[in-house]
Amino acid sequence: MVEIANAVGSGDVGVELDIAEVEADLPVPYTEYDPENYHGLYVRLVEDGPLITLYRSGKYIISGRSSFEELHETNRAFLQTLAGLDIINTSIETGFTVQNVVCTGELQRSVNLNALSVGLGLEAVEYEPEQFPGLIYRPPDFPAVLLVFANGNVVITGAADVETAEEAFNHLQTKVEGLLVD
């Protein structure tokens, strides 16, 4: 079984924005806008809350939620905040969708990453322990990337939904059980 560690979604308010003005008007505890460093406005509606990145084009990204429900709640709160500033109408359709989900799983065993890299097939694996302590596995039949660590922890990224992450993890688990017999 996998658990969501981070859900990321995006939308578009459909209007071009003066980001500096939006930053000045936002009644929230955290904003950061440094156009010399990055062209997006970083917003947190609550202290230590999820990060919202807003762009001049009106597009935005929300990250840092651990469920889809929380992601959609943050989206609604953000849109209400913008509506309160008369930037958008409350009935606006932003096309908000989940873009990516990062999940975690546990293989319940330690893993010999050298042996696993060979067993999974070198064409689907990157393993350079001097550069990164985990094995990067791109299973050919799943649109996801799995980071496998020697302690058995796995991070699944690049999946558009939890079902895909779960299927990719189950595939890896089956491979590990078949390749790494104690």
N, C-alpha and C. Protein backbone atom coordinates (compact mmCIF):
# COMPACT_ATOMS: atom_id res chain seq x y z
N MET A 1 0.84 -1.18 0.00
CA MET A 1 0.00 0.00 0.00
C MET A 1 0.88 1.24 0.00
N VAL A 2 0.42 2.26 -0.73
CA VAL A 2 1.17 3.50 -0.77
C VAL A 2 0.36 4.61 -0.09
N GLU A 3 1.07 5.62 0.36
CA GLU A 3 0.44 6.79 0.98
C GLU A 3 0.85 8.03 0.22
N ILE A 4 -0.07 8.97 0.10
CA ILE A 4 0.24 10.23 -0.57
C ILE A 4 1.14 11.06 0.32
N ALA A 5 2.25 11.52 -0.23
CA ALA A 5 3.15 12.42 0.48
C ALA A 5 2.95 13.86 0.01
N ASN A 6 2.60 14.03 -1.27
CA ASN A 6 2.42 15.36 -1.83
C ASN A 6 1.54 15.27 -3.06
N ALA A 7 0.47 16.04 -3.07
CA ALA A 7 -0.39 16.14 -4.24
C ALA A 7 -0.22 17.53 -4.83
N VAL A 8 -0.09 17.60 -6.15
CA VAL A 8 0.14 18.87 -6.84
C VAL A 8 -0.97 19.06 -7.87
N GLY A 9 -1.53 20.27 -7.87
CA GLY A 9 -2.58 20.60 -8.83
C GLY A 9 -2.33 21.96 -9.44
N SER A 10 -3.00 22.22 -10.56
CA SER A 10 -2.82 23.52 -11.21
C SER A 10 -4.14 24.00 -11.81
N GLY A 11 -4.21 25.31 -12.00
CA GLY A 11 -5.39 25.93 -12.60
C GLY A 11 -5.00 27.23 -13.27
N ASP A 12 -6.00 27.94 -13.77
CA ASP A 12 -5.78 29.20 -14.47
C ASP A 12 -6.96 30.10 -14.19
N VAL A 13 -6.71 31.28 -13.59
CA VAL A 13 -7.80 32.21 -13.29
C VAL A 13 -8.24 32.99 -14.52
N GLY A 14 -7.51 32.87 -15.61
CA GLY A 14 -7.95 33.43 -16.88
C GLY A 14 -7.76 34.92 -17.07
N VAL A 15 -7.00 35.55 -16.19
CA VAL A 15 -6.71 36.98 -16.36
C VAL A 15 -5.22 37.21 -16.12
N GLU A 16 -4.67 38.20 -16.81
CA GLU A 16 -3.28 38.57 -16.57
C GLU A 16 -3.22 39.40 -15.30
N LEU A 17 -2.20 39.16 -14.50
CA LEU A 17 -2.10 39.78 -13.17
C LEU A 17 -0.86 40.65 -13.02
N ASP A 18 -1.00 41.69 -12.23
CA ASP A 18 0.16 42.47 -11.79
C ASP A 18 0.59 41.80 -10.48
N ILE A 19 1.59 40.94 -10.57
CA ILE A 19 1.99 40.11 -9.44
C ILE A 19 2.42 40.94 -8.24
N ALA A 20 3.14 42.02 -8.45
CA ALA A 20 3.57 42.88 -7.34
C ALA A 20 2.36 43.47 -6.62
N GLU A 21 1.35 43.86 -7.36
CA GLU A 21 0.14 44.41 -6.76
C GLU A 21 -0.63 43.34 -5.99
N VAL A 22 -0.73 42.15 -6.57
CA VAL A 22 -1.40 41.05 -5.88
C VAL A 22 -0.68 40.75 -4.57
N GLU A 23 0.64 40.70 -4.61
CA GLU A 23 1.40 40.44 -3.39
C GLU A 23 1.10 41.48 -2.31
N ALA A 24 1.08 42.74 -2.71
CA ALA A 24 0.83 43.82 -1.74
C ALA A 24 -0.56 43.75 -1.14
N ASP A 25 -1.54 43.26 -1.91
CA ASP A 25 -2.93 43.24 -1.45
C ASP A 25 -3.33 41.97 -0.70
N LEU A 26 -2.58 40.90 -0.85
CA LEU A 26 -2.97 39.62 -0.24
C LEU A 26 -2.92 39.68 1.29
N PRO A 27 -4.04 39.36 1.95
CA PRO A 27 -4.08 39.36 3.41
C PRO A 27 -3.71 38.00 3.99
N VAL A 28 -2.53 37.51 3.67
CA VAL A 28 -2.11 36.18 4.10
C VAL A 28 -0.78 36.30 4.85
N PRO A 29 -0.45 35.28 5.65
CA PRO A 29 0.77 35.38 6.46
C PRO A 29 2.08 35.28 5.68
N TYR A 30 2.03 34.74 4.46
CA TYR A 30 3.30 34.56 3.76
C TYR A 30 3.14 34.80 2.27
N THR A 31 3.92 35.71 1.74
CA THR A 31 4.08 35.88 0.30
C THR A 31 5.55 36.17 0.03
N GLU A 32 6.00 35.79 -1.13
CA GLU A 32 7.36 36.12 -1.54
C GLU A 32 7.38 36.31 -3.05
N TYR A 33 7.86 37.47 -3.44
CA TYR A 33 7.98 37.76 -4.86
C TYR A 33 9.30 38.47 -5.10
N ASP A 34 10.17 37.83 -5.84
CA ASP A 34 11.46 38.40 -6.19
C ASP A 34 11.69 38.12 -7.67
N PRO A 35 11.21 39.03 -8.54
CA PRO A 35 11.26 38.77 -9.97
C PRO A 35 12.68 38.60 -10.52
N GLU A 36 13.68 39.08 -9.80
CA GLU A 36 15.06 38.86 -10.25
C GLU A 36 15.48 37.42 -10.02
N ASN A 37 14.84 36.78 -9.06
CA ASN A 37 15.17 35.40 -8.70
C ASN A 37 14.24 34.39 -9.39
N TYR A 38 12.92 34.70 -9.38
CA TYR A 38 11.92 33.81 -9.98
C TYR A 38 10.69 34.64 -10.32
N HIS A 39 10.04 34.33 -11.41
CA HIS A 39 8.94 35.16 -11.89
C HIS A 39 7.58 34.85 -11.27
N GLY A 40 7.49 33.87 -10.40
CA GLY A 40 6.23 33.53 -9.75
C GLY A 40 6.13 34.11 -8.36
N LEU A 41 4.90 34.33 -7.92
CA LEU A 41 4.61 34.78 -6.56
C LEU A 41 4.32 33.56 -5.71
N TYR A 42 5.06 33.42 -4.62
CA TYR A 42 4.82 32.32 -3.68
C TYR A 42 3.84 32.81 -2.62
N VAL A 43 2.82 31.99 -2.34
CA VAL A 43 1.78 32.35 -1.39
C VAL A 43 1.52 31.16 -0.47
N ARG A 44 1.37 31.46 0.80
CA ARG A 44 0.86 30.47 1.76
C ARG A 44 -0.32 31.14 2.46
N LEU A 45 -1.49 30.51 2.37
CA LEU A 45 -2.69 31.08 2.96
C LEU A 45 -2.67 30.99 4.48
N VAL A 46 -1.98 29.98 4.99
CA VAL A 46 -1.80 29.81 6.44
C VAL A 46 -0.33 29.52 6.69
N GLU A 47 0.13 29.87 7.86
CA GLU A 47 1.54 29.64 8.19
C GLU A 47 1.86 28.15 8.06
N ASP A 48 2.96 27.86 7.39
CA ASP A 48 3.41 26.48 7.13
C ASP A 48 2.42 25.67 6.32
N GLY A 49 1.52 26.34 5.61
CA GLY A 49 0.53 25.66 4.78
C GLY A 49 1.11 25.30 3.43
N PRO A 50 0.25 24.79 2.55
CA PRO A 50 0.70 24.42 1.21
C PRO A 50 1.19 25.64 0.44
N LEU A 51 2.07 25.39 -0.51
CA LEU A 51 2.63 26.47 -1.31
C LEU A 51 1.82 26.65 -2.59
N ILE A 52 1.45 27.90 -2.84
CA ILE A 52 0.75 28.26 -4.07
C ILE A 52 1.71 29.16 -4.84
N THR A 53 1.95 28.84 -6.09
CA THR A 53 2.78 29.68 -6.95
C THR A 53 1.87 30.27 -8.00
N LEU A 54 1.81 31.61 -8.04
CA LEU A 54 0.93 32.33 -8.95
C LEU A 54 1.77 33.08 -9.97
N TYR A 55 1.36 32.99 -11.23
CA TYR A 55 2.11 33.62 -12.32
C TYR A 55 1.31 34.76 -12.94
N ARG A 56 2.01 35.65 -13.59
CA ARG A 56 1.42 36.82 -14.25
C ARG A 56 0.32 36.40 -15.22
N SER A 57 0.49 35.28 -15.86
CA SER A 57 -0.48 34.78 -16.85
C SER A 57 -1.82 34.39 -16.22
N GLY A 58 -1.86 34.27 -14.88
CA GLY A 58 -3.06 33.82 -14.18
C GLY A 58 -3.02 32.34 -13.84
N LYS A 59 -2.01 31.65 -14.33
CA LYS A 59 -1.86 30.24 -14.00
C LYS A 59 -1.28 30.11 -12.60
N TYR A 60 -1.62 29.02 -11.94
CA TYR A 60 -1.11 28.78 -10.58
C TYR A 60 -0.95 27.29 -10.32
N ILE A 61 -0.09 27.00 -9.35
CA ILE A 61 0.21 25.63 -8.95
C ILE A 61 0.10 25.55 -7.43
N ILE A 62 -0.54 24.51 -6.95
CA ILE A 62 -0.64 24.27 -5.51
C ILE A 62 0.09 22.97 -5.20
N SER A 63 1.00 23.01 -4.24
CA SER A 63 1.71 21.79 -3.83
C SER A 63 1.78 21.73 -2.31
N GLY A 64 2.05 20.54 -1.80
CA GLY A 64 2.24 20.38 -0.37
C GLY A 64 1.02 19.88 0.38
N ARG A 65 0.11 19.21 -0.30
CA ARG A 65 -1.06 18.64 0.35
C ARG A 65 -0.91 17.12 0.38
N SER A 66 -1.47 16.48 1.40
CA SER A 66 -1.32 15.04 1.52
C SER A 66 -2.58 14.27 1.13
N SER A 67 -3.55 14.97 0.56
CA SER A 67 -4.72 14.29 0.02
C SER A 67 -5.33 15.16 -1.07
N PHE A 68 -6.12 14.53 -1.93
CA PHE A 68 -6.78 15.29 -2.99
C PHE A 68 -7.83 16.22 -2.40
N GLU A 69 -8.49 15.78 -1.33
CA GLU A 69 -9.49 16.63 -0.67
C GLU A 69 -8.83 17.91 -0.15
N GLU A 70 -7.69 17.77 0.52
CA GLU A 70 -6.96 18.94 1.01
C GLU A 70 -6.53 19.84 -0.14
N LEU A 71 -6.11 19.25 -1.24
CA LEU A 71 -5.68 20.01 -2.41
C LEU A 71 -6.85 20.86 -2.94
N HIS A 72 -8.01 20.25 -3.06
CA HIS A 72 -9.18 20.97 -3.56
C HIS A 72 -9.67 22.03 -2.56
N GLU A 73 -9.55 21.74 -1.26
CA GLU A 73 -9.90 22.74 -0.24
C GLU A 73 -8.99 23.96 -0.35
N THR A 74 -7.71 23.73 -0.54
CA THR A 74 -6.76 24.84 -0.69
C THR A 74 -7.09 25.64 -1.94
N ASN A 75 -7.45 24.96 -3.02
CA ASN A 75 -7.82 25.64 -4.25
C ASN A 75 -9.03 26.56 -4.01
N ARG A 76 -10.06 26.03 -3.34
CA ARG A 76 -11.25 26.84 -3.06
C ARG A 76 -10.90 28.06 -2.20
N ALA A 77 -10.08 27.85 -1.17
CA ALA A 77 -9.70 28.96 -0.29
C ALA A 77 -8.90 30.02 -1.05
N PHE A 78 -8.00 29.57 -1.94
CA PHE A 78 -7.20 30.50 -2.72
C PHE A 78 -8.09 31.33 -3.65
N LEU A 79 -9.02 30.67 -4.32
CA LEU A 79 -9.92 31.38 -5.23
C LEU A 79 -10.82 32.36 -4.47
N GLN A 80 -11.25 31.98 -3.27
CA GLN A 80 -12.05 32.89 -2.45
C GLN A 80 -11.22 34.11 -2.04
N THR A 81 -9.95 33.90 -1.75
CA THR A 81 -9.07 35.02 -1.40
C THR A 81 -8.92 35.97 -2.58
N LEU A 82 -8.71 35.42 -3.77
CA LEU A 82 -8.60 36.27 -4.97
C LEU A 82 -9.92 36.98 -5.27
N ALA A 83 -11.03 36.30 -5.06
CA ALA A 83 -12.34 36.92 -5.28
C ALA A 83 -12.56 38.05 -4.28
N GLY A 84 -12.08 37.87 -3.06
CA GLY A 84 -12.19 38.92 -2.04
C GLY A 84 -11.42 40.18 -2.41
N LEU A 85 -10.44 40.05 -3.27
CA LEU A 85 -9.66 41.20 -3.75
C LEU A 85 -10.22 41.74 -5.07
N ASP A 86 -11.36 41.18 -5.52
CA ASP A 86 -11.99 41.56 -6.79
C ASP A 86 -11.09 41.29 -7.99
N ILE A 87 -10.25 40.29 -7.88
CA ILE A 87 -9.39 39.89 -9.01
C ILE A 87 -10.15 38.96 -9.93
N ILE A 88 -10.96 38.08 -9.34
CA ILE A 88 -11.76 37.13 -10.10
C ILE A 88 -13.17 37.09 -9.54
N ASN A 89 -14.07 36.47 -10.28
CA ASN A 89 -15.43 36.23 -9.84
C ASN A 89 -15.45 34.87 -9.13
N THR A 90 -16.26 34.74 -8.11
CA THR A 90 -16.28 33.48 -7.35
C THR A 90 -16.75 32.30 -8.17
N SER A 91 -17.47 32.54 -9.26
CA SER A 91 -17.99 31.43 -10.07
C SER A 91 -17.04 31.04 -11.21
N ILE A 92 -15.83 31.53 -11.19
CA ILE A 92 -14.87 31.27 -12.27
C ILE A 92 -14.54 29.78 -12.36
N GLU A 93 -14.39 29.30 -13.58
CA GLU A 93 -13.94 27.92 -13.81
C GLU A 93 -12.46 27.97 -14.17
N THR A 94 -11.63 27.42 -13.31
CA THR A 94 -10.18 27.51 -13.50
C THR A 94 -9.58 26.29 -14.18
N GLY A 95 -10.37 25.25 -14.36
CA GLY A 95 -9.83 24.02 -14.93
C GLY A 95 -8.85 23.35 -13.98
N PHE A 96 -9.03 23.55 -12.68
CA PHE A 96 -8.11 23.00 -11.70
C PHE A 96 -8.08 21.47 -11.78
N THR A 97 -6.88 20.92 -11.93
CA THR A 97 -6.72 19.47 -12.02
C THR A 97 -5.48 19.02 -11.26
N VAL A 98 -5.50 17.78 -10.84
CA VAL A 98 -4.33 17.18 -10.20
C VAL A 98 -3.31 16.90 -11.30
N GLN A 99 -2.10 17.35 -11.10
CA GLN A 99 -1.04 17.17 -12.09
C GLN A 99 -0.10 16.01 -11.75
N ASN A 100 0.12 15.83 -10.47
CA ASN A 100 1.15 14.88 -10.05
C ASN A 100 0.85 14.48 -8.61
N VAL A 101 1.17 13.26 -8.31
CA VAL A 101 1.06 12.81 -6.94
C VAL A 101 2.36 12.09 -6.58
N VAL A 102 2.89 12.43 -5.43
CA VAL A 102 4.08 11.75 -4.92
C VAL A 102 3.63 10.87 -3.77
N CYS A 103 3.96 9.60 -3.84
CA CYS A 103 3.54 8.64 -2.82
C CYS A 103 4.77 7.96 -2.22
N THR A 104 4.56 7.36 -1.08
CA THR A 104 5.62 6.57 -0.45
C THR A 104 5.09 5.17 -0.16
N GLY A 105 6.01 4.23 -0.13
CA GLY A 105 5.68 2.86 0.20
C GLY A 105 6.88 2.20 0.88
N GLU A 106 6.63 1.06 1.48
CA GLU A 106 7.70 0.32 2.15
C GLU A 106 7.71 -1.12 1.67
N LEU A 107 8.89 -1.60 1.29
CA LEU A 107 9.04 -2.99 0.84
C LEU A 107 9.12 -3.97 2.00
N GLN A 108 9.21 -3.46 3.22
CA GLN A 108 9.26 -4.29 4.43
C GLN A 108 10.51 -5.18 4.49
N ARG A 109 11.59 -4.72 3.86
CA ARG A 109 12.85 -5.45 3.90
C ARG A 109 13.95 -4.53 3.39
N SER A 110 15.17 -4.82 3.76
CA SER A 110 16.28 -4.08 3.18
C SER A 110 16.54 -4.64 1.78
N VAL A 111 17.17 -3.82 0.95
CA VAL A 111 17.32 -4.17 -0.46
C VAL A 111 18.78 -3.97 -0.88
N ASN A 112 19.34 -4.97 -1.55
CA ASN A 112 20.67 -4.85 -2.15
C ASN A 112 20.47 -4.12 -3.47
N LEU A 113 20.78 -2.83 -3.49
CA LEU A 113 20.51 -2.01 -4.67
C LEU A 113 21.36 -2.41 -5.87
N ASN A 114 22.57 -2.88 -5.64
CA ASN A 114 23.40 -3.35 -6.75
C ASN A 114 22.73 -4.53 -7.47
N ALA A 115 22.30 -5.51 -6.68
CA ALA A 115 21.64 -6.68 -7.26
C ALA A 115 20.31 -6.29 -7.93
N LEU A 116 19.57 -5.39 -7.29
CA LEU A 116 18.29 -4.97 -7.85
C LEU A 116 18.47 -4.23 -9.17
N SER A 117 19.51 -3.41 -9.27
CA SER A 117 19.73 -2.65 -10.51
C SER A 117 19.96 -3.60 -11.69
N VAL A 118 20.67 -4.67 -11.45
CA VAL A 118 20.91 -5.66 -12.51
C VAL A 118 19.63 -6.44 -12.80
N GLY A 119 18.93 -6.84 -11.75
CA GLY A 119 17.72 -7.64 -11.91
C GLY A 119 16.58 -6.91 -12.61
N LEU A 120 16.46 -5.62 -12.37
CA LEU A 120 15.39 -4.84 -13.01
C LEU A 120 15.70 -4.51 -14.47
N GLY A 121 16.97 -4.62 -14.82
CA GLY A 121 17.36 -4.30 -16.19
C GLY A 121 18.00 -2.92 -16.25
N LEU A 122 19.23 -2.89 -16.67
CA LEU A 122 19.99 -1.65 -16.67
C LEU A 122 19.36 -0.55 -17.53
N GLU A 123 18.55 -0.94 -18.54
CA GLU A 123 17.92 0.06 -19.39
C GLU A 123 16.81 0.83 -18.67
N ALA A 124 16.28 0.28 -17.57
CA ALA A 124 15.19 0.92 -16.84
C ALA A 124 15.66 1.51 -15.51
N VAL A 125 16.96 1.42 -15.24
CA VAL A 125 17.48 1.79 -13.92
C VAL A 125 18.63 2.78 -14.02
N GLU A 126 18.65 3.70 -13.08
CA GLU A 126 19.83 4.54 -12.87
C GLU A 126 20.26 4.29 -11.43
N TYR A 127 21.50 3.91 -11.24
CA TYR A 127 21.99 3.72 -9.88
C TYR A 127 23.44 4.16 -9.83
N GLU A 128 23.66 5.30 -9.26
CA GLU A 128 24.99 5.85 -9.06
C GLU A 128 25.10 6.30 -7.60
N PRO A 129 25.46 5.38 -6.71
CA PRO A 129 25.45 5.68 -5.28
C PRO A 129 26.36 6.85 -4.88
N GLU A 130 27.33 7.18 -5.72
CA GLU A 130 28.19 8.32 -5.41
C GLU A 130 27.44 9.63 -5.62
N GLN A 131 26.40 9.60 -6.47
CA GLN A 131 25.61 10.79 -6.80
C GLN A 131 24.32 10.88 -5.98
N PHE A 132 23.66 9.74 -5.78
CA PHE A 132 22.36 9.69 -5.11
C PHE A 132 22.24 8.33 -4.43
N PRO A 133 21.79 8.30 -3.17
CA PRO A 133 21.79 7.04 -2.42
C PRO A 133 20.72 6.03 -2.82
N GLY A 134 19.83 6.42 -3.72
CA GLY A 134 18.76 5.51 -4.12
C GLY A 134 18.89 5.06 -5.55
N LEU A 135 18.18 4.00 -5.85
CA LEU A 135 18.09 3.47 -7.20
C LEU A 135 16.87 4.12 -7.86
N ILE A 136 17.03 4.61 -9.07
CA ILE A 136 15.94 5.24 -9.80
C ILE A 136 15.45 4.23 -10.83
N TYR A 137 14.19 3.84 -10.69
CA TYR A 137 13.60 2.82 -11.56
C TYR A 137 12.44 3.43 -12.35
N ARG A 138 12.53 3.31 -13.66
CA ARG A 138 11.47 3.76 -14.56
C ARG A 138 10.86 2.53 -15.22
N PRO A 139 9.84 1.95 -14.60
CA PRO A 139 9.25 0.74 -15.17
C PRO A 139 8.64 1.05 -16.53
N PRO A 140 8.96 0.24 -17.54
CA PRO A 140 8.51 0.54 -18.91
C PRO A 140 7.00 0.57 -19.08
N ASP A 141 6.25 -0.14 -18.27
CA ASP A 141 4.81 -0.23 -18.46
C ASP A 141 4.00 0.70 -17.55
N PHE A 142 4.67 1.56 -16.80
CA PHE A 142 3.97 2.44 -15.86
C PHE A 142 4.50 3.87 -15.98
N PRO A 143 3.61 4.86 -16.07
CA PRO A 143 4.05 6.26 -16.13
C PRO A 143 4.37 6.79 -14.74
N ALA A 144 5.46 6.28 -14.18
CA ALA A 144 5.89 6.68 -12.85
C ALA A 144 7.38 6.41 -12.72
N VAL A 145 7.98 7.07 -11.75
CA VAL A 145 9.38 6.84 -11.42
C VAL A 145 9.44 6.43 -9.96
N LEU A 146 10.18 5.37 -9.67
CA LEU A 146 10.30 4.88 -8.30
C LEU A 146 11.72 5.06 -7.81
N LEU A 147 11.86 5.68 -6.66
CA LEU A 147 13.15 5.83 -6.01
C LEU A 147 13.20 4.80 -4.91
N VAL A 148 14.12 3.85 -5.03
CA VAL A 148 14.20 2.73 -4.10
C VAL A 148 15.45 2.92 -3.25
N PHE A 149 15.29 2.82 -1.94
CA PHE A 149 16.41 2.99 -1.03
C PHE A 149 16.75 1.67 -0.35
N ALA A 150 17.98 1.55 0.09
CA ALA A 150 18.48 0.30 0.66
C ALA A 150 17.66 -0.17 1.87
N ASN A 151 17.07 0.74 2.61
CA ASN A 151 16.27 0.35 3.78
C ASN A 151 14.88 -0.15 3.41
N GLY A 152 14.55 -0.17 2.11
CA GLY A 152 13.26 -0.66 1.65
C GLY A 152 12.22 0.43 1.44
N ASN A 153 12.55 1.67 1.76
CA ASN A 153 11.62 2.76 1.51
C ASN A 153 11.60 3.09 0.03
N VAL A 154 10.42 3.45 -0.47
CA VAL A 154 10.24 3.76 -1.89
C VAL A 154 9.45 5.06 -2.00
N VAL A 155 9.88 5.92 -2.90
CA VAL A 155 9.15 7.14 -3.24
C VAL A 155 8.70 6.97 -4.69
N ILE A 156 7.39 7.17 -4.92
CA ILE A 156 6.84 7.03 -6.27
C ILE A 156 6.43 8.42 -6.73
N THR A 157 6.99 8.87 -7.83
CA THR A 157 6.67 10.20 -8.35
C THR A 157 6.33 10.11 -9.82
N GLY A 158 5.76 11.18 -10.34
CA GLY A 158 5.43 11.22 -11.75
C GLY A 158 4.09 10.59 -12.10
N ALA A 159 3.44 9.99 -11.14
CA ALA A 159 2.14 9.37 -11.40
C ALA A 159 1.05 10.45 -11.34
N ALA A 160 0.06 10.33 -12.20
CA ALA A 160 -1.03 11.30 -12.22
C ALA A 160 -2.09 10.99 -11.18
N ASP A 161 -2.08 9.76 -10.65
CA ASP A 161 -3.08 9.39 -9.65
C ASP A 161 -2.52 8.30 -8.74
N VAL A 162 -3.22 8.07 -7.64
CA VAL A 162 -2.76 7.09 -6.65
C VAL A 162 -2.82 5.68 -7.22
N GLU A 163 -3.80 5.39 -8.05
CA GLU A 163 -3.92 4.05 -8.62
C GLU A 163 -2.68 3.68 -9.44
N THR A 164 -2.20 4.63 -10.24
CA THR A 164 -1.00 4.39 -11.03
C THR A 164 0.21 4.18 -10.12
N ALA A 165 0.32 4.99 -9.08
CA ALA A 165 1.42 4.85 -8.12
C ALA A 165 1.35 3.49 -7.44
N GLU A 166 0.15 3.08 -7.06
CA GLU A 166 -0.05 1.79 -6.40
C GLU A 166 0.33 0.63 -7.34
N GLU A 167 -0.08 0.71 -8.59
CA GLU A 167 0.25 -0.34 -9.56
C GLU A 167 1.76 -0.42 -9.79
N ALA A 168 2.40 0.73 -9.91
CA ALA A 168 3.86 0.75 -10.12
C ALA A 168 4.57 0.17 -8.90
N PHE A 169 4.10 0.51 -7.70
CA PHE A 169 4.70 -0.02 -6.48
C PHE A 169 4.51 -1.53 -6.40
N ASN A 170 3.31 -2.00 -6.70
CA ASN A 170 3.05 -3.44 -6.66
C ASN A 170 3.92 -4.19 -7.66
N HIS A 171 4.11 -3.59 -8.84
CA HIS A 171 5.01 -4.16 -9.85
C HIS A 171 6.43 -4.29 -9.28
N LEU A 172 6.91 -3.22 -8.66
CA LEU A 172 8.25 -3.25 -8.05
C LEU A 172 8.32 -4.31 -6.96
N GLN A 173 7.31 -4.36 -6.12
CA GLN A 173 7.29 -5.32 -5.02
C GLN A 173 7.38 -6.75 -5.54
N THR A 174 6.65 -7.05 -6.59
CA THR A 174 6.69 -8.38 -7.21
C THR A 174 8.09 -8.67 -7.75
N LYS A 175 8.68 -7.69 -8.42
CA LYS A 175 10.04 -7.85 -8.96
C LYS A 175 11.04 -8.10 -7.83
N VAL A 176 10.95 -7.32 -6.77
CA VAL A 176 11.89 -7.46 -5.65
C VAL A 176 11.76 -8.85 -5.03
N GLU A 177 10.54 -9.30 -4.81
CA GLU A 177 10.32 -10.63 -4.22
C GLU A 177 10.88 -11.73 -5.11
N GLY A 178 10.79 -11.57 -6.43
CA GLY A 178 11.30 -12.58 -7.35
C GLY A 178 12.81 -12.54 -7.51
N LEU A 179 13.40 -11.37 -7.34
CA LEU A 179 14.83 -11.21 -7.58
C LEU A 179 15.69 -11.38 -6.33
N LEU A 180 15.19 -10.92 -5.22
CA LEU A 180 16.02 -10.85 -4.01
C LEU A 180 15.52 -11.83 -2.95
N VAL A 181 15.76 -13.07 -3.18
CA VAL A 181 15.36 -14.10 -2.22
C VAL A 181 16.39 -14.08 -1.09
N ASP A 182 15.88 -14.05 0.15
CA ASP A 182 16.79 -14.02 1.32
C ASP A 182 17.62 -15.27 1.44
